C-alpha atoms as a PDB file:
ATOM      1  CA  UNK A   1     125.036  38.582  56.823  1.00  0.00           C
ATOM      2  CA  UNK A   2     127.020  37.834  60.024  1.00  0.00           C
ATOM      3  CA  UNK A   3     124.231  37.390  62.407  1.00  0.00           C
ATOM      4  CA  UNK A   4     123.118  33.866  61.283  1.00  0.00           C
ATOM      5  CA  UNK A   5     124.646  30.561  61.072  1.00  0.00           C
ATOM      6  CA  UNK A   6     124.666  27.496  58.846  1.00  0.00           C
ATOM      7  CA  UNK A   7     121.259  26.388  57.623  1.00  0.00           C
ATOM      8  CA  UNK A   8     119.377  29.357  59.388  1.00  0.00           C
ATOM      9  CA  UNK A   9     120.941  31.687  56.494  1.00  0.00           C
ATOM     10  CA  UNK A  10     119.161  32.829  53.816  1.00  0.00           C
ATOM     11  CA  UNK A  11     119.865  33.156  49.762  1.00  0.00           C
ATOM     12  CA  UNK A  12     120.187  37.034  50.571  1.00  0.00           C
ATOM     13  CA  UNK A  13     122.656  36.461  53.392  1.00  0.00           C
ATOM     14  CA  UNK A  14     124.879  34.343  51.642  1.00  0.00           C
ATOM     15  CA  UNK A  15     125.043  36.676  48.462  1.00  0.00           C
ATOM     16  CA  UNK A  16     125.629  39.728  50.530  1.00  0.00           C
ATOM     17  CA  UNK A  17     128.500  38.022  52.381  1.00  0.00           C
ATOM     18  CA  UNK A  18     129.966  36.405  49.402  1.00  0.00           C
ATOM     19  CA  UNK A  19     130.112  39.489  47.213  1.00  0.00           C
ATOM     20  CA  UNK A  20     131.265  41.762  49.625  1.00  0.00           C
ATOM     21  CA  UNK A  21     134.161  39.540  51.141  1.00  0.00           C
ATOM     22  CA  UNK A  22     135.173  38.355  47.358  1.00  0.00           C
ATOM     23  CA  UNK A  23     135.056  42.153  46.643  1.00  0.00           C
ATOM     24  CA  UNK A  24     137.748  42.507  49.272  1.00  0.00           C
ATOM     25  CA  UNK A  25     139.515  39.196  48.280  1.00  0.00           C
ATOM     26  CA  UNK A  26     140.073  40.268  44.799  1.00  0.00           C
ATOM     27  CA  UNK A  27     141.507  43.561  45.969  1.00  0.00           C
ATOM     28  CA  UNK A  28     143.978  41.915  48.510  1.00  0.00           C
ATOM     29  CA  UNK A  29     145.129  39.425  45.812  1.00  0.00           C
ATOM     30  CA  UNK A  30     145.850  41.696  42.874  1.00  0.00           C
ATOM     31  CA  UNK A  31     147.298  44.462  45.193  1.00  0.00           C
ATOM     32  CA  UNK A  32     149.623  41.666  46.770  1.00  0.00           C
ATOM     33  CA  UNK A  33     150.687  40.325  43.331  1.00  0.00           C
ATOM     34  CA  UNK A  34     151.697  44.139  42.195  1.00  0.00           C
ATOM     35  CA  UNK A  35     153.663  44.636  45.464  1.00  0.00           C
ATOM     36  CA  UNK A  36     155.300  41.399  46.294  1.00  0.00           C
ATOM     37  CA  UNK A  37     154.874  39.672  42.883  1.00  0.00           C
ATOM     38  CA  UNK A  38     152.848  36.791  44.751  1.00  0.00           C
ATOM     39  CA  UNK A  39     149.225  35.658  45.359  1.00  0.00           C
ATOM     40  CA  UNK A  40     147.821  35.880  48.719  1.00  0.00           C
ATOM     41  CA  UNK A  41     144.220  34.467  48.484  1.00  0.00           C
ATOM     42  CA  UNK A  42     144.863  31.066  47.747  1.00  0.00           C
ATOM     43  CA  UNK A  43     147.784  28.411  48.242  1.00  0.00           C
ATOM     44  CA  UNK A  44     147.374  25.890  45.354  1.00  0.00           C
ATOM     45  CA  UNK A  45     150.454  27.498  43.568  1.00  0.00           C
ATOM     46  CA  UNK A  46     152.291  27.365  46.733  1.00  0.00           C
ATOM     47  CA  UNK A  47     152.102  23.529  47.058  1.00  0.00           C
ATOM     48  CA  UNK A  48     153.682  22.982  43.989  1.00  0.00           C
ATOM     49  CA  UNK A  49     156.525  25.560  44.876  1.00  0.00           C
ATOM     50  CA  UNK A  50     156.970  23.342  48.131  1.00  0.00           C
ATOM     51  CA  UNK A  51     157.383  20.328  46.332  1.00  0.00           C
ATOM     52  CA  UNK A  52     159.825  21.982  43.865  1.00  0.00           C
ATOM     53  CA  UNK A  53     161.937  23.491  46.514  1.00  0.00           C
ATOM     54  CA  UNK A  54     162.000  20.265  48.166  1.00  0.00           C
ATOM     55  CA  UNK A  55     163.478  18.725  45.160  1.00  0.00           C
ATOM     56  CA  UNK A  56     165.804  21.250  44.709  1.00  0.00           C
ATOM     57  CA  UNK A  57     166.987  21.126  48.375  1.00  0.00           C
ATOM     58  CA  UNK A  58     166.402  24.859  49.090  1.00  0.00           C
ATOM     59  CA  UNK A  59     165.660  24.202  52.538  1.00  0.00           C
ATOM     60  CA  UNK A  60     165.196  27.950  53.462  1.00  0.00           C
ATOM     61  CA  UNK A  61     162.657  28.449  50.950  1.00  0.00           C
ATOM     62  CA  UNK A  62     160.867  25.273  51.660  1.00  0.00           C
ATOM     63  CA  UNK A  63     160.488  26.347  55.300  1.00  0.00           C
ATOM     64  CA  UNK A  64     159.065  30.140  54.062  1.00  0.00           C
ATOM     65  CA  UNK A  65     156.622  28.472  51.723  1.00  0.00           C
ATOM     66  CA  UNK A  66     155.575  25.870  54.218  1.00  0.00           C
ATOM     67  CA  UNK A  67     155.160  28.699  56.648  1.00  0.00           C
ATOM     68  CA  UNK A  68     153.034  30.519  54.255  1.00  0.00           C
ATOM     69  CA  UNK A  69     150.601  27.431  53.745  1.00  0.00           C
ATOM     70  CA  UNK A  70     150.531  26.756  57.399  1.00  0.00           C
ATOM     71  CA  UNK A  71     149.365  30.443  57.916  1.00  0.00           C
ATOM     72  CA  UNK A  72     146.555  30.057  55.555  1.00  0.00           C
ATOM     73  CA  UNK A  73     145.574  26.970  57.322  1.00  0.00           C
ATOM     74  CA  UNK A  74     145.875  28.581  60.751  1.00  0.00           C
ATOM     75  CA  UNK A  75     143.605  31.352  59.616  1.00  0.00           C
ATOM     76  CA  UNK A  76     140.640  28.880  58.951  1.00  0.00           C
ATOM     77  CA  UNK A  77     141.456  27.201  61.802  1.00  0.00           C
ATOM     78  CA  UNK A  78     141.347  30.252  63.923  1.00  0.00           C
ATOM     79  CA  UNK A  79     138.170  31.712  62.388  1.00  0.00           C
ATOM     80  CA  UNK A  80     136.077  28.222  62.888  1.00  0.00           C
ATOM     81  CA  UNK A  81     137.585  28.045  66.401  1.00  0.00           C
ATOM     82  CA  UNK A  82     135.853  31.298  67.098  1.00  0.00           C
ATOM     83  CA  UNK A  83     133.000  30.612  65.500  1.00  0.00           C
ATOM     84  CA  UNK A  84     132.297  27.312  67.472  1.00  0.00           C
ATOM     85  CA  UNK A  85     133.481  28.405  70.680  1.00  0.00           C
ATOM     86  CA  UNK A  86     131.729  31.664  70.765  1.00  0.00           C
ATOM     87  CA  UNK A  87     128.520  31.178  68.751  1.00  0.00           C
ATOM     88  CA  UNK A  88     126.390  30.170  71.675  1.00  0.00           C
ATOM     89  CA  UNK A  89     127.444  33.402  73.599  1.00  0.00           C
ATOM     90  CA  UNK A  90     126.966  35.803  70.937  1.00  0.00           C
ATOM     91  CA  UNK A  91     126.586  34.758  67.051  1.00  0.00           C
ATOM     92  CA  UNK A  92     127.444  38.457  65.819  1.00  0.00           C
ATOM     93  CA  UNK A  93     130.669  38.681  68.222  1.00  0.00           C
ATOM     94  CA  UNK A  94     131.650  35.270  67.104  1.00  0.00           C
ATOM     95  CA  UNK A  95     131.323  35.693  63.382  1.00  0.00           C
ATOM     96  CA  UNK A  96     132.742  39.281  63.554  1.00  0.00           C
ATOM     97  CA  UNK A  97     135.736  38.594  65.625  1.00  0.00           C
ATOM     98  CA  UNK A  98     137.847  36.686  62.569  1.00  0.00           C
ATOM     99  CA  UNK A  99     137.138  39.674  60.086  1.00  0.00           C
ATOM    100  CA  UNK A 100     138.258  42.092  62.825  1.00  0.00           C
ATOM    101  CA  UNK A 101     141.596  40.165  63.028  1.00  0.00           C
ATOM    102  CA  UNK A 102     141.779  40.101  59.416  1.00  0.00           C
ATOM    103  CA  UNK A 103     141.580  43.902  59.281  1.00  0.00           C
ATOM    104  CA  UNK A 104     144.124  44.204  61.771  1.00  0.00           C
ATOM    105  CA  UNK A 105     146.336  42.210  59.668  1.00  0.00           C
ATOM    106  CA  UNK A 106     145.751  44.479  56.469  1.00  0.00           C
ATOM    107  CA  UNK A 107     146.393  47.400  58.713  1.00  0.00           C
ATOM    108  CA  UNK A 108     149.699  46.269  59.790  1.00  0.00           C
ATOM    109  CA  UNK A 109     150.733  45.469  56.186  1.00  0.00           C
ATOM    110  CA  UNK A 110     149.587  49.071  55.156  1.00  0.00           C
ATOM    111  CA  UNK A 111     151.044  51.059  57.821  1.00  0.00           C
ATOM    112  CA  UNK A 112     154.410  48.965  57.763  1.00  0.00           C
ATOM    113  CA  UNK A 113     154.475  49.137  53.968  1.00  0.00           C
ATOM    114  CA  UNK A 114     153.723  52.884  53.601  1.00  0.00           C
ATOM    115  CA  UNK A 115     156.342  54.092  56.380  1.00  0.00           C
ATOM    116  CA  UNK A 116     158.956  51.211  56.751  1.00  0.00           C
ATOM    117  CA  UNK A 117     159.274  48.855  53.660  1.00  0.00           C
ATOM    118  CA  UNK A 118     162.393  48.861  51.687  1.00  0.00           C
ATOM    119  CA  UNK A 119     161.570  46.021  49.556  1.00  0.00           C
ATOM    120  CA  UNK A 120     163.927  43.630  51.049  1.00  0.00           C
ATOM    121  CA  UNK A 121     163.084  39.773  50.577  1.00  0.00           C
ATOM    122  CA  UNK A 122     162.792  39.357  54.476  1.00  0.00           C
ATOM    123  CA  UNK A 123     160.109  41.964  54.424  1.00  0.00           C
ATOM    124  CA  UNK A 124     158.437  40.739  51.373  1.00  0.00           C
ATOM    125  CA  UNK A 125     158.126  37.204  52.977  1.00  0.00           C
ATOM    126  CA  UNK A 126     156.930  38.717  56.364  1.00  0.00           C
ATOM    127  CA  UNK A 127     154.096  40.865  54.996  1.00  0.00           C
ATOM    128  CA  UNK A 128     152.998  38.269  52.454  1.00  0.00           C
ATOM    129  CA  UNK A 129     152.503  35.966  55.623  1.00  0.00           C
ATOM    130  CA  UNK A 130     150.330  38.200  57.150  1.00  0.00           C
ATOM    131  CA  UNK A 131     148.186  38.466  54.130  1.00  0.00           C
ATOM    132  CA  UNK A 132     147.936  34.640  53.755  1.00  0.00           C
ATOM    133  CA  UNK A 133     146.749  34.356  57.353  1.00  0.00           C
ATOM    134  CA  UNK A 134     144.207  37.189  56.758  1.00  0.00           C
ATOM    135  CA  UNK A 135     142.874  35.521  53.800  1.00  0.00           C
ATOM    136  CA  UNK A 136     142.747  32.279  55.519  1.00  0.00           C
ATOM    137  CA  UNK A 137     140.604  34.063  58.452  1.00  0.00           C
ATOM    138  CA  UNK A 138     138.300  35.249  55.829  1.00  0.00           C
ATOM    139  CA  UNK A 139     138.013  31.962  53.668  1.00  0.00           C
ATOM    140  CA  UNK A 140     137.544  30.194  57.129  1.00  0.00           C
ATOM    141  CA  UNK A 141     134.858  32.342  58.392  1.00  0.00           C
ATOM    142  CA  UNK A 142     132.657  32.416  54.985  1.00  0.00           C
ATOM    143  CA  UNK A 143     132.691  28.768  54.923  1.00  0.00           C
ATOM    144  CA  UNK A 144     132.084  28.089  58.386  1.00  0.00           C
ATOM    145  CA  UNK A 145     128.937  30.327  58.714  1.00  0.00           C
ATOM    146  CA  UNK A 146     127.694  29.347  55.398  1.00  0.00           C
ATOM    147  CA  UNK A 147     127.824  25.630  55.786  1.00  0.00           C
ATOM    148  CA  UNK A 148     130.538  25.593  53.132  1.00  0.00           C
ATOM    149  CA  UNK A 149     128.401  27.430  50.625  1.00  0.00           C
ATOM    150  CA  UNK A 150     130.367  30.655  50.749  1.00  0.00           C
ATOM    151  CA  UNK A 151     134.136  30.551  49.763  1.00  0.00           C
ATOM    152  CA  UNK A 152     135.467  33.830  48.813  1.00  0.00           C
ATOM    153  CA  UNK A 153     139.120  33.985  48.693  1.00  0.00           C
ATOM    154  CA  UNK A 154     139.944  32.200  45.369  1.00  0.00           C
ATOM    155  CA  UNK A 155     137.865  30.981  42.364  1.00  0.00           C
ATOM    156  CA  UNK A 156     139.275  27.602  41.556  1.00  0.00           C
ATOM    157  CA  UNK A 157     136.487  25.628  43.215  1.00  0.00           C
ATOM    158  CA  UNK A 158     133.805  28.276  42.059  1.00  0.00           C
ATOM    159  CA  UNK A 159     134.893  28.201  38.515  1.00  0.00           C
ATOM    160  CA  UNK A 160     134.511  24.449  38.644  1.00  0.00           C
ATOM    161  CA  UNK A 161     131.169  24.330  40.316  1.00  0.00           C
ATOM    162  CA  UNK A 162     129.773  26.975  37.662  1.00  0.00           C
ATOM    163  CA  UNK A 163     131.240  24.765  34.945  1.00  0.00           C
ATOM    164  CA  UNK A 164     129.225  21.664  36.371  1.00  0.00           C
ATOM    165  CA  UNK A 165     126.205  23.429  36.975  1.00  0.00           C
ATOM    166  CA  UNK A 166     125.914  25.216  33.609  1.00  0.00           C
ATOM    167  CA  UNK A 167     126.416  21.838  32.090  1.00  0.00           C
ATOM    168  CA  UNK A 168     123.516  20.474  34.068  1.00  0.00           C
ATOM    169  CA  UNK A 169     121.283  23.291  32.958  1.00  0.00           C
ATOM    170  CA  UNK A 170     121.472  21.857  29.552  1.00  0.00           C
ATOM    171  CA  UNK A 171     118.773  19.567  30.452  1.00  0.00           C
ATOM    172  CA  UNK A 172     115.016  21.149  31.031  1.00  0.00           C
ATOM    173  CA  UNK A 173     114.617  18.964  34.548  1.00  0.00           C
ATOM    174  CA  UNK A 174     117.742  20.979  36.040  1.00  0.00           C
ATOM    175  CA  UNK A 175     116.961  24.465  34.836  1.00  0.00           C
ATOM    176  CA  UNK A 176     113.657  24.168  36.726  1.00  0.00           C
ATOM    177  CA  UNK A 177     115.587  23.119  39.973  1.00  0.00           C
ATOM    178  CA  UNK A 178     115.299  26.287  42.275  1.00  0.00           C
ATOM    179  CA  UNK A 179     118.233  25.165  44.540  1.00  0.00           C
ATOM    180  CA  UNK A 180     120.424  24.463  41.601  1.00  0.00           C
ATOM    181  CA  UNK A 181     119.463  28.066  40.281  1.00  0.00           C
ATOM    182  CA  UNK A 182     120.232  29.675  43.548  1.00  0.00           C
ATOM    183  CA  UNK A 183     123.458  28.196  43.849  1.00  0.00           C
ATOM    184  CA  UNK A 184     124.372  29.438  40.171  1.00  0.00           C
ATOM    185  CA  UNK A 185     123.483  32.684  41.084  1.00  0.00           C
ATOM    186  CA  UNK A 186     125.620  32.871  44.439  1.00  0.00           C
ATOM    187  CA  UNK A 187     128.453  31.575  42.669  1.00  0.00           C
ATOM    188  CA  UNK A 188     128.166  33.779  39.694  1.00  0.00           C
ATOM    189  CA  UNK A 189     127.709  36.730  42.250  1.00  0.00           C
ATOM    190  CA  UNK A 190     130.877  35.753  44.055  1.00  0.00           C
ATOM    191  CA  UNK A 191     132.750  35.516  40.914  1.00  0.00           C
ATOM    192  CA  UNK A 192     131.454  38.885  39.551  1.00  0.00           C
ATOM    193  CA  UNK A 193     132.371  40.664  42.611  1.00  0.00           C
ATOM    194  CA  UNK A 194     135.963  39.102  42.916  1.00  0.00           C
ATOM    195  CA  UNK A 195     136.794  40.353  39.452  1.00  0.00           C
ATOM    196  CA  UNK A 196     135.356  43.852  40.212  1.00  0.00           C
ATOM    197  CA  UNK A 197     137.555  44.082  43.149  1.00  0.00           C
ATOM    198  CA  UNK A 198     140.722  42.907  41.397  1.00  0.00           C
ATOM    199  CA  UNK A 199     140.109  45.628  38.893  1.00  0.00           C
ATOM    200  CA  UNK A 200     139.346  48.525  41.283  1.00  0.00           C
ATOM    201  CA  UNK A 201     142.367  47.492  43.179  1.00  0.00           C
ATOM    202  CA  UNK A 202     144.547  47.252  40.075  1.00  0.00           C
ATOM    203  CA  UNK A 203     143.376  50.627  39.107  1.00  0.00           C
ATOM    204  CA  UNK A 204     143.812  52.230  42.412  1.00  0.00           C
ATOM    205  CA  UNK A 205     147.005  51.037  43.375  1.00  0.00           C
ATOM    206  CA  UNK A 206     148.849  53.067  40.713  1.00  0.00           C
ATOM    207  CA  UNK A 207     147.485  56.259  42.555  1.00  0.00           C
ATOM    208  CA  UNK A 208     147.675  55.354  46.309  1.00  0.00           C
ATOM    209  CA  UNK A 209     150.053  52.391  46.772  1.00  0.00           C
ATOM    210  CA  UNK A 210     149.970  50.616  50.115  1.00  0.00           C
ATOM    211  CA  UNK A 211     147.342  53.129  51.086  1.00  0.00           C
ATOM    212  CA  UNK A 212     145.126  50.685  49.363  1.00  0.00           C
ATOM    213  CA  UNK A 213     144.981  48.183  52.468  1.00  0.00           C
ATOM    214  CA  UNK A 214     143.495  51.121  54.578  1.00  0.00           C
ATOM    215  CA  UNK A 215     140.580  51.352  51.896  1.00  0.00           C
ATOM    216  CA  UNK A 216     140.103  47.539  51.797  1.00  0.00           C
ATOM    217  CA  UNK A 217     139.933  47.585  55.884  1.00  0.00           C
ATOM    218  CA  UNK A 218     137.571  50.291  55.824  1.00  0.00           C
ATOM    219  CA  UNK A 219     135.469  48.290  53.503  1.00  0.00           C
ATOM    220  CA  UNK A 220     135.509  45.437  55.978  1.00  0.00           C
ATOM    221  CA  UNK A 221     134.630  47.823  58.788  1.00  0.00           C
ATOM    222  CA  UNK A 222     131.153  48.386  56.600  1.00  0.00           C
ATOM    223  CA  UNK A 223     130.786  44.518  56.577  1.00  0.00           C
ATOM    224  CA  UNK A 224     130.992  44.485  60.332  1.00  0.00           C
ATOM    225  CA  UNK A 225     129.003  47.835  60.689  1.00  0.00           C
ATOM    226  CA  UNK A 226     126.233  46.507  58.671  1.00  0.00           C
ATOM    227  CA  UNK A 227     125.094  43.873  60.982  1.00  0.00           C
ATOM    228  CA  UNK A 228     125.763  46.035  63.858  1.00  0.00           C
ATOM    229  CA  UNK A 229     123.471  48.620  62.678  1.00  0.00           C
ATOM    230  CA  UNK A 230     120.730  45.952  61.668  1.00  0.00           C
ATOM    231  CA  UNK A 231     120.962  44.706  65.198  1.00  0.00           C
ATOM    232  CA  UNK A 232     120.404  48.107  66.750  1.00  0.00           C
ATOM    233  CA  UNK A 233     117.529  48.462  64.444  1.00  0.00           C
ATOM    234  CA  UNK A 234     115.862  45.291  65.182  1.00  0.00           C
ATOM    235  CA  UNK A 235     116.188  45.837  69.049  1.00  0.00           C
ATOM    236  CA  UNK A 236     114.494  49.414  68.523  1.00  0.00           C
ATOM    237  CA  UNK A 237     111.596  48.206  66.785  1.00  0.00           C
ATOM    238  CA  UNK A 238     111.449  45.231  68.954  1.00  0.00           C
ATOM    239  CA  UNK A 239     111.277  47.311  72.064  1.00  0.00           C
ATOM    240  CA  UNK A 240     109.091  49.912  70.633  1.00  0.00           C
ATOM    241  CA  UNK A 241     106.524  47.015  69.446  1.00  0.00           C
ATOM    242  CA  UNK A 242     106.834  45.718  72.974  1.00  0.00           C
ATOM    243  CA  UNK A 243     106.014  48.875  74.617  1.00  0.00           C
ATOM    244  CA  UNK A 244     103.128  49.731  72.185  1.00  0.00           C
ATOM    245  CA  UNK A 245     101.837  46.207  73.165  1.00  0.00           C
ATOM    246  CA  UNK A 246     101.810  46.948  76.867  1.00  0.00           C
ATOM    247  CA  UNK A 247     100.377  50.311  76.459  1.00  0.00           C
ATOM    248  CA  UNK A 248      97.466  48.837  74.305  1.00  0.00           C
ATOM    249  CA  UNK A 249      96.874  46.068  76.907  1.00  0.00           C
ATOM    250  CA  UNK A 250      96.895  48.606  79.774  1.00  0.00           C
ATOM    251  CA  UNK A 251      94.286  50.862  77.951  1.00  0.00           C
ATOM    252  CA  UNK A 252      92.042  47.704  77.202  1.00  0.00           C
ATOM    253  CA  UNK A 253      92.226  46.894  80.671  1.00  0.00           C
ATOM    254  CA  UNK A 254      91.233  50.517  81.903  1.00  0.00           C
ATOM    255  CA  UNK A 255      88.544  50.560  79.514  1.00  0.00           C
ATOM    256  CA  UNK A 256      87.174  47.240  80.659  1.00  0.00           C
ATOM    257  CA  UNK A 257      87.148  48.342  84.054  1.00  0.00           C
ATOM    258  CA  UNK A 258      85.524  51.692  83.207  1.00  0.00           C
ATOM    259  CA  UNK A 259      82.752  50.090  81.381  1.00  0.00           C
ATOM    260  CA  UNK A 260      82.121  46.940  83.814  1.00  0.00           C
ATOM    261  CA  UNK A 261      78.878  47.035  85.703  1.00  0.00           C
ATOM    262  CA  UNK A 262      78.594  48.287  89.317  1.00  0.00           C
ATOM    263  CA  UNK A 263      78.041  44.930  90.904  1.00  0.00           C
ATOM    264  CA  UNK A 264      81.335  43.541  88.995  1.00  0.00           C
ATOM    265  CA  UNK A 265      83.220  46.521  90.356  1.00  0.00           C
ATOM    266  CA  UNK A 266      82.031  45.604  93.836  1.00  0.00           C
END
């Protein structure tokens, strides 16, 4: 899920990455809406707000909204920076580091919200900034390592692509195209996971509040841990197979030596 890069990824890799991260993004977006009355998984609406605040001459609010947009941008920048600079050393490390930073941001929001949050405007703006940076990290990572096939923090482009694909499926020649069918399955899975995460978060919020960020963080730890486990399993079986192969080769060599004619041994 996190070990492979760009065109080496399979459809299964992208579906696992897309559904799991979309589920967490749906949870983050809904809980930020319920807590802060603002979305955190995309910045489309914030561009309109930025323009409106500029027209009104509200320069403080203009600066805040610009900072939110910039932090989402920086999340994508940092995620891809880590991927392209650390990829040659260790793909898993390069791909898991942005999610680790995302988890740290979510834990900061959850911890501060649980113990210190007083619902002031400044606090709300700051915590929302952390969430926008975290979502920028996630979206930048998934897009970067999947060759832009997977984007999971918002569904605007996904919904548009699905509309285009389903219109293409009205013709038989496109319905039999395996590339288009795989794309449709991937986008449908991402959409379903996002909606499911949003519903789960909406229900859980009324019971645990800010602690929900701990749950989301734990979910992302599973995403990182899945590949760490897979790497260990692969290494274990690789080392075991190499050891067995060497043992078989040594046994064959001994058998050939024992069964060799006397003149050959001399």
